[in-house]
Amino acid sequence: MLVGGWRQFIPLFFYSTVALCLGFVSTAHGLSTQSLVLSLVFGFLSWSLIEYGLHRFIFHYNARSRFGRELLYQVHLSHHEDPTARNKIFASLYLSAPIAAVYWVVAWAATGSWAVASFLFIGMSAGYFSYEWLHFQCHHGRSRFWVLRYLRKYHLLHHYKTPDERFGVTSPLFDLIFGTFRPVRRPSTSV
């Protein structure tokens, strides 16, 4: 991992650089503090919906073509085959860059402001980094915090028991909204 392991962090370096540049250029645009903070928060929260949509409708899609099956395997299904592998911490730029670009363009079209779109993008990137950290913790960490322990168990149940449910990693919110939520039950103890 030490020799070529740094390569898996290229998306972190790339999106951090993009976010810093967008933030620097957009700050001069004169957004109010309230608009800036709301854009960052909404962008951060929007990642959870993107994560759910990609995970449920794209990554678990039953592709018909051989190319489609191989692509989905490389992008996500290989992770289900070996959930403890440490060599794919971040999604590759080949996968994430088109999604990021579409997000920014749609945000610009929806808001009419490239500066607001940039802060939405920065917030979404922070949500993505939080997702990647939490996802890594789900597979490789142990936490004292009950929320992280709950999310870990929730996600591992997706891997080992219910691959057609529990698509949210950072939050079960969209599983609740779209009917793919199943509660995490404590193991029953006999007395």
N, C-alpha and C. Protein backbone atom coordinates (compact mmCIF):
# COMPACT_ATOMS: atom_id res chain seq x y z
N MET A 1 0.83 -1.20 0.00
CA MET A 1 0.00 0.00 0.00
C MET A 1 0.87 1.26 0.00
N LEU A 2 2.04 1.21 0.61
CA LEU A 2 2.87 2.39 0.71
C LEU A 2 3.39 2.88 -0.64
N VAL A 3 3.77 1.97 -1.52
CA VAL A 3 4.36 2.36 -2.79
C VAL A 3 3.34 3.06 -3.67
N GLY A 4 2.24 2.38 -3.97
CA GLY A 4 1.24 2.96 -4.87
C GLY A 4 -0.01 3.42 -4.14
N GLY A 5 -0.04 3.27 -2.82
CA GLY A 5 -1.23 3.59 -2.05
C GLY A 5 -1.65 5.05 -2.10
N TRP A 6 -0.69 5.93 -2.30
CA TRP A 6 -1.01 7.36 -2.35
C TRP A 6 -1.95 7.68 -3.50
N ARG A 7 -1.92 6.86 -4.57
CA ARG A 7 -2.74 7.13 -5.75
C ARG A 7 -4.23 7.12 -5.44
N GLN A 8 -4.63 6.31 -4.46
CA GLN A 8 -6.05 6.25 -4.14
C GLN A 8 -6.54 7.55 -3.51
N PHE A 9 -5.61 8.40 -3.06
CA PHE A 9 -6.00 9.68 -2.47
C PHE A 9 -6.01 10.83 -3.49
N ILE A 10 -5.75 10.54 -4.75
CA ILE A 10 -5.79 11.57 -5.79
C ILE A 10 -7.12 12.31 -5.81
N PRO A 11 -8.27 11.61 -5.70
CA PRO A 11 -9.54 12.37 -5.67
C PRO A 11 -9.61 13.35 -4.50
N LEU A 12 -9.09 12.97 -3.34
CA LEU A 12 -9.08 13.89 -2.19
C LEU A 12 -8.27 15.14 -2.51
N PHE A 13 -7.08 14.95 -3.06
CA PHE A 13 -6.23 16.09 -3.42
C PHE A 13 -6.89 16.92 -4.51
N PHE A 14 -7.44 16.25 -5.52
CA PHE A 14 -8.05 16.94 -6.66
C PHE A 14 -9.23 17.80 -6.22
N TYR A 15 -10.19 17.18 -5.49
CA TYR A 15 -11.40 17.93 -5.10
C TYR A 15 -11.10 18.98 -4.04
N SER A 16 -10.13 18.75 -3.20
CA SER A 16 -9.72 19.79 -2.24
C SER A 16 -9.17 21.00 -2.97
N THR A 17 -8.36 20.76 -3.99
CA THR A 17 -7.81 21.85 -4.79
C THR A 17 -8.90 22.60 -5.54
N VAL A 18 -9.81 21.84 -6.17
CA VAL A 18 -10.94 22.47 -6.89
C VAL A 18 -11.77 23.29 -5.92
N ALA A 19 -12.08 22.74 -4.75
CA ALA A 19 -12.91 23.45 -3.77
C ALA A 19 -12.22 24.73 -3.30
N LEU A 20 -10.93 24.66 -3.03
CA LEU A 20 -10.20 25.86 -2.60
C LEU A 20 -10.21 26.93 -3.68
N CYS A 21 -9.97 26.53 -4.93
CA CYS A 21 -9.97 27.50 -6.04
C CYS A 21 -11.36 28.10 -6.24
N LEU A 22 -12.39 27.25 -6.25
CA LEU A 22 -13.76 27.77 -6.40
C LEU A 22 -14.12 28.71 -5.25
N GLY A 23 -13.75 28.32 -4.04
CA GLY A 23 -14.04 29.17 -2.88
C GLY A 23 -13.33 30.50 -2.97
N PHE A 24 -12.07 30.49 -3.37
CA PHE A 24 -11.29 31.72 -3.49
C PHE A 24 -11.90 32.65 -4.54
N VAL A 25 -12.21 32.11 -5.72
CA VAL A 25 -12.76 32.91 -6.80
C VAL A 25 -14.18 33.39 -6.47
N SER A 26 -14.98 32.51 -5.85
CA SER A 26 -16.38 32.84 -5.58
C SER A 26 -16.55 33.81 -4.42
N THR A 27 -15.61 33.83 -3.50
CA THR A 27 -15.70 34.75 -2.36
C THR A 27 -15.71 36.20 -2.84
N ALA A 28 -15.01 36.47 -3.91
CA ALA A 28 -14.96 37.83 -4.46
C ALA A 28 -16.27 38.22 -5.13
N HIS A 29 -17.19 37.27 -5.30
CA HIS A 29 -18.45 37.54 -5.97
C HIS A 29 -19.42 38.34 -5.10
N GLY A 30 -19.19 38.38 -3.80
CA GLY A 30 -19.98 39.21 -2.91
C GLY A 30 -21.26 38.57 -2.39
N LEU A 31 -21.27 37.28 -2.20
CA LEU A 31 -22.44 36.62 -1.60
C LEU A 31 -22.56 37.02 -0.14
N SER A 32 -23.79 37.10 0.34
CA SER A 32 -23.98 37.37 1.76
C SER A 32 -23.51 36.15 2.55
N THR A 33 -23.18 36.39 3.81
CA THR A 33 -22.76 35.29 4.67
C THR A 33 -23.85 34.24 4.76
N GLN A 34 -25.10 34.68 4.84
CA GLN A 34 -26.23 33.75 4.93
C GLN A 34 -26.32 32.88 3.67
N SER A 35 -26.19 33.48 2.49
CA SER A 35 -26.23 32.71 1.23
C SER A 35 -25.08 31.73 1.15
N LEU A 36 -23.91 32.17 1.56
CA LEU A 36 -22.74 31.31 1.53
C LEU A 36 -22.93 30.11 2.45
N VAL A 37 -23.34 30.33 3.69
CA VAL A 37 -23.51 29.25 4.66
C VAL A 37 -24.63 28.31 4.22
N LEU A 38 -25.75 28.86 3.77
CA LEU A 38 -26.86 28.01 3.29
C LEU A 38 -26.43 27.15 2.11
N SER A 39 -25.66 27.73 1.21
CA SER A 39 -25.17 26.97 0.05
C SER A 39 -24.27 25.82 0.50
N LEU A 40 -23.37 26.10 1.43
CA LEU A 40 -22.48 25.05 1.94
C LEU A 40 -23.28 23.93 2.63
N VAL A 41 -24.23 24.32 3.47
CA VAL A 41 -25.03 23.33 4.21
C VAL A 41 -25.89 22.51 3.26
N PHE A 42 -26.57 23.17 2.33
CA PHE A 42 -27.42 22.45 1.37
C PHE A 42 -26.56 21.54 0.50
N GLY A 43 -25.41 22.02 0.08
CA GLY A 43 -24.50 21.19 -0.71
C GLY A 43 -24.06 19.96 0.07
N PHE A 44 -23.72 20.16 1.34
CA PHE A 44 -23.31 19.04 2.20
C PHE A 44 -24.43 18.02 2.31
N LEU A 45 -25.64 18.48 2.57
CA LEU A 45 -26.79 17.58 2.73
C LEU A 45 -27.18 16.92 1.40
N SER A 46 -26.96 17.61 0.29
CA SER A 46 -27.33 17.03 -1.01
C SER A 46 -26.51 15.79 -1.33
N TRP A 47 -25.31 15.68 -0.74
CA TRP A 47 -24.51 14.49 -0.99
C TRP A 47 -25.25 13.23 -0.57
N SER A 48 -26.00 13.27 0.52
CA SER A 48 -26.70 12.09 1.02
C SER A 48 -27.69 11.57 -0.01
N LEU A 49 -28.39 12.47 -0.70
CA LEU A 49 -29.32 12.06 -1.76
C LEU A 49 -28.56 11.49 -2.96
N ILE A 50 -27.46 12.12 -3.33
CA ILE A 50 -26.64 11.62 -4.44
C ILE A 50 -26.11 10.23 -4.10
N GLU A 51 -25.59 10.08 -2.90
CA GLU A 51 -25.06 8.80 -2.43
C GLU A 51 -26.14 7.71 -2.53
N TYR A 52 -27.33 8.01 -2.03
CA TYR A 52 -28.42 7.04 -2.05
C TYR A 52 -28.80 6.69 -3.50
N GLY A 53 -28.97 7.70 -4.33
CA GLY A 53 -29.37 7.46 -5.72
C GLY A 53 -28.35 6.64 -6.49
N LEU A 54 -27.09 6.99 -6.36
CA LEU A 54 -26.03 6.23 -7.04
C LEU A 54 -25.99 4.79 -6.54
N HIS A 55 -26.04 4.64 -5.22
CA HIS A 55 -25.91 3.31 -4.62
C HIS A 55 -27.09 2.42 -5.00
N ARG A 56 -28.29 2.96 -4.93
CA ARG A 56 -29.46 2.12 -5.20
C ARG A 56 -29.70 1.89 -6.69
N PHE A 57 -29.69 2.97 -7.47
CA PHE A 57 -30.15 2.87 -8.85
C PHE A 57 -29.04 2.63 -9.87
N ILE A 58 -27.81 2.94 -9.54
CA ILE A 58 -26.70 2.74 -10.48
C ILE A 58 -25.83 1.55 -10.05
N PHE A 59 -25.29 1.61 -8.84
CA PHE A 59 -24.33 0.60 -8.42
C PHE A 59 -24.93 -0.79 -8.24
N HIS A 60 -26.23 -0.87 -7.98
CA HIS A 60 -26.88 -2.17 -7.84
C HIS A 60 -27.78 -2.48 -9.03
N TYR A 61 -27.56 -1.80 -10.13
CA TYR A 61 -28.33 -2.03 -11.36
C TYR A 61 -27.94 -3.39 -11.95
N ASN A 62 -28.91 -4.11 -12.45
CA ASN A 62 -28.67 -5.42 -13.06
C ASN A 62 -28.39 -5.20 -14.55
N ALA A 63 -27.13 -4.95 -14.88
CA ALA A 63 -26.74 -4.65 -16.27
C ALA A 63 -26.92 -5.89 -17.14
N ARG A 64 -27.34 -5.67 -18.38
CA ARG A 64 -27.55 -6.77 -19.31
C ARG A 64 -26.30 -7.08 -20.14
N SER A 65 -25.55 -6.05 -20.46
CA SER A 65 -24.38 -6.27 -21.32
C SER A 65 -23.18 -6.70 -20.48
N ARG A 66 -22.26 -7.38 -21.13
CA ARG A 66 -21.04 -7.81 -20.45
C ARG A 66 -20.24 -6.59 -19.99
N PHE A 67 -20.14 -5.57 -20.86
CA PHE A 67 -19.42 -4.35 -20.52
C PHE A 67 -20.05 -3.70 -19.28
N GLY A 68 -21.37 -3.61 -19.26
CA GLY A 68 -22.06 -3.01 -18.12
C GLY A 68 -21.83 -3.76 -16.83
N ARG A 69 -21.88 -5.10 -16.91
CA ARG A 69 -21.63 -5.91 -15.71
C ARG A 69 -20.20 -5.74 -15.22
N GLU A 70 -19.24 -5.72 -16.13
CA GLU A 70 -17.84 -5.53 -15.74
C GLU A 70 -17.60 -4.15 -15.15
N LEU A 71 -18.23 -3.14 -15.75
CA LEU A 71 -18.09 -1.77 -15.23
C LEU A 71 -18.66 -1.67 -13.82
N LEU A 72 -19.87 -2.19 -13.61
CA LEU A 72 -20.48 -2.14 -12.28
C LEU A 72 -19.66 -2.95 -11.27
N TYR A 73 -19.09 -4.05 -11.73
CA TYR A 73 -18.25 -4.84 -10.83
C TYR A 73 -17.05 -4.01 -10.38
N GLN A 74 -16.38 -3.36 -11.31
CA GLN A 74 -15.19 -2.57 -10.96
C GLN A 74 -15.56 -1.38 -10.09
N VAL A 75 -16.69 -0.74 -10.40
CA VAL A 75 -17.09 0.47 -9.69
C VAL A 75 -17.59 0.16 -8.28
N HIS A 76 -18.36 -0.93 -8.12
CA HIS A 76 -18.98 -1.14 -6.81
C HIS A 76 -19.11 -2.60 -6.37
N LEU A 77 -19.50 -3.47 -7.25
CA LEU A 77 -19.81 -4.83 -6.82
C LEU A 77 -18.59 -5.58 -6.29
N SER A 78 -17.40 -5.21 -6.75
CA SER A 78 -16.19 -5.82 -6.20
C SER A 78 -16.06 -5.48 -4.71
N HIS A 79 -16.58 -4.33 -4.32
CA HIS A 79 -16.57 -3.93 -2.91
C HIS A 79 -17.48 -4.87 -2.10
N HIS A 80 -18.60 -5.28 -2.67
CA HIS A 80 -19.47 -6.23 -1.97
C HIS A 80 -18.81 -7.60 -1.87
N GLU A 81 -18.03 -7.93 -2.87
CA GLU A 81 -17.32 -9.21 -2.86
C GLU A 81 -16.24 -9.24 -1.77
N ASP A 82 -15.57 -8.11 -1.57
CA ASP A 82 -14.53 -8.02 -0.55
C ASP A 82 -14.65 -6.68 0.18
N PRO A 83 -15.62 -6.59 1.11
CA PRO A 83 -15.88 -5.31 1.79
C PRO A 83 -14.74 -4.80 2.66
N THR A 84 -13.79 -5.67 3.00
CA THR A 84 -12.70 -5.23 3.88
C THR A 84 -11.45 -4.80 3.12
N ALA A 85 -11.48 -4.84 1.79
CA ALA A 85 -10.32 -4.41 1.00
C ALA A 85 -10.02 -2.94 1.27
N ARG A 86 -8.78 -2.62 1.45
CA ARG A 86 -8.37 -1.25 1.76
C ARG A 86 -7.84 -0.50 0.54
N ASN A 87 -7.82 -1.13 -0.61
CA ASN A 87 -7.18 -0.51 -1.77
C ASN A 87 -8.11 0.39 -2.58
N LYS A 88 -9.35 0.55 -2.16
CA LYS A 88 -10.27 1.44 -2.89
C LYS A 88 -10.99 2.34 -1.89
N ILE A 89 -10.25 3.23 -1.28
CA ILE A 89 -10.85 4.12 -0.30
C ILE A 89 -11.74 5.15 -1.00
N PHE A 90 -11.26 5.78 -2.04
CA PHE A 90 -12.03 6.78 -2.76
C PHE A 90 -12.46 6.24 -4.12
N ALA A 91 -13.59 6.71 -4.60
CA ALA A 91 -14.00 6.41 -5.97
C ALA A 91 -13.00 7.08 -6.91
N SER A 92 -12.75 6.47 -8.04
CA SER A 92 -11.77 7.03 -8.97
C SER A 92 -12.29 8.33 -9.58
N LEU A 93 -11.36 9.11 -10.11
CA LEU A 93 -11.75 10.34 -10.80
C LEU A 93 -12.57 10.03 -12.05
N TYR A 94 -12.33 8.88 -12.67
CA TYR A 94 -13.11 8.50 -13.86
C TYR A 94 -14.59 8.40 -13.53
N LEU A 95 -14.90 7.95 -12.34
CA LEU A 95 -16.29 7.84 -11.92
C LEU A 95 -16.79 9.16 -11.33
N SER A 96 -16.01 9.76 -10.46
CA SER A 96 -16.50 10.91 -9.70
C SER A 96 -16.47 12.23 -10.46
N ALA A 97 -15.52 12.43 -11.36
CA ALA A 97 -15.41 13.73 -12.06
C ALA A 97 -16.64 14.04 -12.91
N PRO A 98 -17.16 13.10 -13.71
CA PRO A 98 -18.38 13.44 -14.46
C PRO A 98 -19.56 13.76 -13.54
N ILE A 99 -19.69 13.04 -12.44
CA ILE A 99 -20.77 13.31 -11.49
C ILE A 99 -20.60 14.70 -10.88
N ALA A 100 -19.37 15.02 -10.50
CA ALA A 100 -19.08 16.34 -9.91
C ALA A 100 -19.35 17.45 -10.91
N ALA A 101 -18.95 17.26 -12.15
CA ALA A 101 -19.16 18.30 -13.18
C ALA A 101 -20.65 18.51 -13.44
N VAL A 102 -21.40 17.42 -13.54
CA VAL A 102 -22.85 17.54 -13.76
C VAL A 102 -23.50 18.24 -12.56
N TYR A 103 -23.07 17.91 -11.36
CA TYR A 103 -23.61 18.56 -10.16
C TYR A 103 -23.41 20.07 -10.23
N TRP A 104 -22.18 20.50 -10.56
CA TRP A 104 -21.89 21.94 -10.60
C TRP A 104 -22.71 22.64 -11.68
N VAL A 105 -22.81 22.03 -12.87
CA VAL A 105 -23.56 22.64 -13.97
C VAL A 105 -25.05 22.73 -13.62
N VAL A 106 -25.61 21.65 -13.06
CA VAL A 106 -27.02 21.67 -12.66
C VAL A 106 -27.25 22.71 -11.56
N ALA A 107 -26.33 22.79 -10.60
CA ALA A 107 -26.45 23.80 -9.54
C ALA A 107 -26.40 25.20 -10.12
N TRP A 108 -25.54 25.43 -11.09
CA TRP A 108 -25.45 26.74 -11.74
C TRP A 108 -26.74 27.05 -12.49
N ALA A 109 -27.25 26.08 -13.24
CA ALA A 109 -28.50 26.29 -13.98
C ALA A 109 -29.67 26.53 -13.03
N ALA A 110 -29.70 25.80 -11.92
CA ALA A 110 -30.82 25.92 -10.97
C ALA A 110 -30.79 27.24 -10.19
N THR A 111 -29.59 27.72 -9.87
CA THR A 111 -29.49 28.93 -9.06
C THR A 111 -29.25 30.19 -9.89
N GLY A 112 -28.73 30.03 -11.10
CA GLY A 112 -28.40 31.18 -11.92
C GLY A 112 -27.15 31.91 -11.47
N SER A 113 -26.40 31.30 -10.56
CA SER A 113 -25.20 31.94 -10.02
C SER A 113 -24.08 30.92 -9.95
N TRP A 114 -22.98 31.21 -10.64
CA TRP A 114 -21.86 30.29 -10.58
C TRP A 114 -21.21 30.31 -9.19
N ALA A 115 -21.34 31.44 -8.48
CA ALA A 115 -20.76 31.53 -7.12
C ALA A 115 -21.56 30.64 -6.16
N VAL A 116 -22.88 30.71 -6.21
CA VAL A 116 -23.71 29.84 -5.36
C VAL A 116 -23.45 28.38 -5.74
N ALA A 117 -23.40 28.09 -7.05
CA ALA A 117 -23.12 26.72 -7.50
C ALA A 117 -21.77 26.25 -6.97
N SER A 118 -20.80 27.14 -6.90
CA SER A 118 -19.47 26.77 -6.40
C SER A 118 -19.51 26.42 -4.92
N PHE A 119 -20.26 27.21 -4.13
CA PHE A 119 -20.36 26.88 -2.70
C PHE A 119 -21.22 25.65 -2.46
N LEU A 120 -22.23 25.42 -3.30
CA LEU A 120 -22.96 24.15 -3.23
C LEU A 120 -22.00 22.99 -3.50
N PHE A 121 -21.16 23.16 -4.51
CA PHE A 121 -20.18 22.13 -4.87
C PHE A 121 -19.20 21.88 -3.72
N ILE A 122 -18.73 22.94 -3.09
CA ILE A 122 -17.80 22.80 -1.96
C ILE A 122 -18.48 22.02 -0.83
N GLY A 123 -19.74 22.36 -0.53
CA GLY A 123 -20.48 21.64 0.50
C GLY A 123 -20.69 20.18 0.12
N MET A 124 -21.03 19.94 -1.15
CA MET A 124 -21.22 18.57 -1.62
C MET A 124 -19.91 17.79 -1.51
N SER A 125 -18.79 18.43 -1.84
CA SER A 125 -17.48 17.78 -1.72
C SER A 125 -17.19 17.42 -0.26
N ALA A 126 -17.52 18.31 0.65
CA ALA A 126 -17.34 18.02 2.08
C ALA A 126 -18.22 16.83 2.49
N GLY A 127 -19.44 16.78 1.96
CA GLY A 127 -20.31 15.64 2.22
C GLY A 127 -19.73 14.36 1.67
N TYR A 128 -19.14 14.43 0.48
CA TYR A 128 -18.51 13.28 -0.13
C TYR A 128 -17.32 12.79 0.70
N PHE A 129 -16.48 13.72 1.17
CA PHE A 129 -15.33 13.34 2.00
C PHE A 129 -15.82 12.72 3.31
N SER A 130 -16.89 13.26 3.88
CA SER A 130 -17.46 12.69 5.10
C SER A 130 -17.96 11.28 4.84
N TYR A 131 -18.60 11.09 3.70
CA TYR A 131 -19.07 9.76 3.31
C TYR A 131 -17.90 8.79 3.20
N GLU A 132 -16.85 9.18 2.51
CA GLU A 132 -15.71 8.29 2.33
C GLU A 132 -15.07 7.92 3.67
N TRP A 133 -14.95 8.90 4.56
CA TRP A 133 -14.39 8.63 5.88
C TRP A 133 -15.30 7.68 6.65
N LEU A 134 -16.61 7.97 6.66
CA LEU A 134 -17.55 7.14 7.38
C LEU A 134 -17.61 5.73 6.80
N HIS A 135 -17.57 5.63 5.48
CA HIS A 135 -17.60 4.32 4.84
C HIS A 135 -16.37 3.52 5.23
N PHE A 136 -15.21 4.16 5.25
CA PHE A 136 -14.00 3.47 5.68
C PHE A 136 -14.14 3.02 7.14
N GLN A 137 -14.68 3.88 7.99
CA GLN A 137 -14.88 3.53 9.40
C GLN A 137 -15.85 2.36 9.55
N CYS A 138 -16.87 2.31 8.71
CA CYS A 138 -17.83 1.20 8.77
C CYS A 138 -17.14 -0.14 8.56
N HIS A 139 -16.15 -0.17 7.71
CA HIS A 139 -15.49 -1.42 7.38
C HIS A 139 -14.22 -1.69 8.19
N HIS A 140 -13.59 -0.65 8.71
CA HIS A 140 -12.29 -0.84 9.33
C HIS A 140 -12.14 -0.22 10.72
N GLY A 141 -13.15 0.46 11.20
CA GLY A 141 -13.02 1.16 12.47
C GLY A 141 -13.94 0.64 13.55
N ARG A 142 -13.65 1.04 14.74
CA ARG A 142 -14.49 0.78 15.90
C ARG A 142 -14.65 2.12 16.60
N SER A 143 -15.88 2.46 16.93
CA SER A 143 -16.11 3.77 17.52
C SER A 143 -16.76 3.64 18.89
N ARG A 144 -16.52 4.64 19.71
CA ARG A 144 -17.20 4.73 21.00
C ARG A 144 -18.54 5.45 20.86
N PHE A 145 -18.74 6.18 19.76
CA PHE A 145 -19.95 6.96 19.58
C PHE A 145 -21.08 6.08 19.05
N TRP A 146 -22.22 6.13 19.72
CA TRP A 146 -23.33 5.24 19.36
C TRP A 146 -23.82 5.50 17.94
N VAL A 147 -23.79 6.74 17.47
CA VAL A 147 -24.26 7.04 16.11
C VAL A 147 -23.38 6.33 15.09
N LEU A 148 -22.08 6.39 15.27
CA LEU A 148 -21.17 5.72 14.34
C LEU A 148 -21.30 4.20 14.43
N ARG A 149 -21.51 3.68 15.64
CA ARG A 149 -21.73 2.24 15.77
C ARG A 149 -23.02 1.81 15.08
N TYR A 150 -24.07 2.65 15.21
CA TYR A 150 -25.33 2.35 14.54
C TYR A 150 -25.16 2.36 13.01
N LEU A 151 -24.52 3.39 12.48
CA LEU A 151 -24.33 3.49 11.03
C LEU A 151 -23.45 2.35 10.52
N ARG A 152 -22.47 1.96 11.31
CA ARG A 152 -21.62 0.83 10.93
C ARG A 152 -22.45 -0.44 10.81
N LYS A 153 -23.25 -0.72 11.82
CA LYS A 153 -24.07 -1.93 11.79
C LYS A 153 -25.09 -1.86 10.66
N TYR A 154 -25.68 -0.68 10.46
CA TYR A 154 -26.67 -0.48 9.40
C TYR A 154 -26.04 -0.79 8.04
N HIS A 155 -24.84 -0.28 7.81
CA HIS A 155 -24.18 -0.50 6.52
C HIS A 155 -23.73 -1.95 6.36
N LEU A 156 -23.19 -2.54 7.40
CA LEU A 156 -22.74 -3.93 7.30
C LEU A 156 -23.91 -4.88 7.08
N LEU A 157 -25.09 -4.56 7.60
CA LEU A 157 -26.27 -5.37 7.30
C LEU A 157 -26.60 -5.30 5.81
N HIS A 158 -26.38 -4.14 5.19
CA HIS A 158 -26.56 -4.02 3.73
C HIS A 158 -25.64 -5.00 3.02
N HIS A 159 -24.41 -5.08 3.46
CA HIS A 159 -23.44 -5.97 2.81
C HIS A 159 -23.75 -7.44 3.02
N TYR A 160 -24.07 -7.80 4.24
CA TYR A 160 -24.11 -9.23 4.59
C TYR A 160 -25.51 -9.83 4.68
N LYS A 161 -26.55 -9.00 4.79
CA LYS A 161 -27.89 -9.55 4.96
C LYS A 161 -28.90 -9.03 3.93
N THR A 162 -28.87 -7.74 3.66
CA THR A 162 -29.92 -7.12 2.83
C THR A 162 -29.32 -6.24 1.74
N PRO A 163 -28.72 -6.82 0.69
CA PRO A 163 -28.09 -5.98 -0.35
C PRO A 163 -29.10 -5.18 -1.17
N ASP A 164 -30.38 -5.48 -1.07
CA ASP A 164 -31.40 -4.72 -1.80
C ASP A 164 -32.10 -3.70 -0.90
N GLU A 165 -31.53 -3.44 0.26
CA GLU A 165 -32.06 -2.45 1.21
C GLU A 165 -30.89 -1.74 1.87
N ARG A 166 -31.22 -0.73 2.67
CA ARG A 166 -30.21 -0.01 3.45
C ARG A 166 -29.10 0.57 2.58
N PHE A 167 -29.46 1.41 1.61
CA PHE A 167 -28.47 1.97 0.68
C PHE A 167 -27.74 3.18 1.24
N GLY A 168 -28.31 3.85 2.23
CA GLY A 168 -27.66 5.02 2.81
C GLY A 168 -26.49 4.61 3.69
N VAL A 169 -25.36 5.25 3.50
CA VAL A 169 -24.19 5.00 4.35
C VAL A 169 -24.08 6.11 5.39
N THR A 170 -24.18 7.36 4.96
CA THR A 170 -24.04 8.48 5.89
C THR A 170 -25.32 8.74 6.67
N SER A 171 -26.44 8.23 6.17
CA SER A 171 -27.71 8.45 6.85
C SER A 171 -28.76 7.51 6.28
N PRO A 172 -29.64 6.99 7.13
CA PRO A 172 -30.75 6.17 6.62
C PRO A 172 -31.95 7.02 6.17
N LEU A 173 -31.80 8.34 6.12
CA LEU A 173 -32.92 9.23 5.79
C LEU A 173 -33.61 8.86 4.49
N PHE A 174 -32.85 8.71 3.41
CA PHE A 174 -33.48 8.43 2.12
C PHE A 174 -33.96 6.98 2.03
N ASP A 175 -33.40 6.09 2.83
CA ASP A 175 -33.97 4.75 2.94
C ASP A 175 -35.37 4.85 3.55
N LEU A 176 -35.53 5.71 4.55
CA LEU A 176 -36.85 5.92 5.15
C LEU A 176 -37.82 6.50 4.12
N ILE A 177 -37.38 7.52 3.39
CA ILE A 177 -38.25 8.19 2.42
C ILE A 177 -38.65 7.26 1.29
N PHE A 178 -37.71 6.44 0.78
CA PHE A 178 -37.97 5.62 -0.40
C PHE A 178 -38.29 4.16 -0.09
N GLY A 179 -38.51 3.83 1.18
CA GLY A 179 -38.99 2.50 1.54
C GLY A 179 -37.95 1.39 1.57
N THR A 180 -36.67 1.72 1.66
CA THR A 180 -35.64 0.68 1.72
C THR A 180 -35.00 0.62 3.11
N PHE A 181 -35.62 1.27 4.08
CA PHE A 181 -35.13 1.25 5.45
C PHE A 181 -35.59 -0.02 6.16
N ARG A 182 -34.70 -0.60 6.90
CA ARG A 182 -35.03 -1.68 7.83
C ARG A 182 -34.30 -1.37 9.11
N PRO A 183 -35.00 -1.40 10.24
CA PRO A 183 -34.33 -1.03 11.50
C PRO A 183 -33.23 -2.02 11.85
N VAL A 184 -32.27 -1.54 12.58
CA VAL A 184 -31.21 -2.37 13.12
C VAL A 184 -31.76 -2.94 14.41
N ARG A 185 -31.84 -4.23 14.47
CA ARG A 185 -32.37 -4.88 15.66
C ARG A 185 -31.23 -5.40 16.53
N ARG A 186 -31.43 -5.28 17.82
CA ARG A 186 -30.46 -5.86 18.75
C ARG A 186 -30.65 -7.37 18.76
N PRO A 187 -29.57 -8.10 18.88
CA PRO A 187 -29.74 -9.56 18.97
C PRO A 187 -30.53 -9.93 20.22
N SER A 188 -31.44 -10.88 20.07
CA SER A 188 -32.23 -11.28 21.23
C SER A 188 -31.37 -12.12 22.17
N THR A 189 -31.58 -11.90 23.44
CA THR A 189 -30.84 -12.66 24.43
C THR A 189 -31.81 -13.55 25.18
N SER A 190 -31.43 -14.78 25.40
CA SER A 190 -32.30 -15.69 26.14
C SER A 190 -31.94 -15.63 27.61
N VAL A 191 -32.96 -15.66 28.42
CA VAL A 191 -32.76 -15.57 29.86
C VAL A 191 -32.91 -16.93 30.49
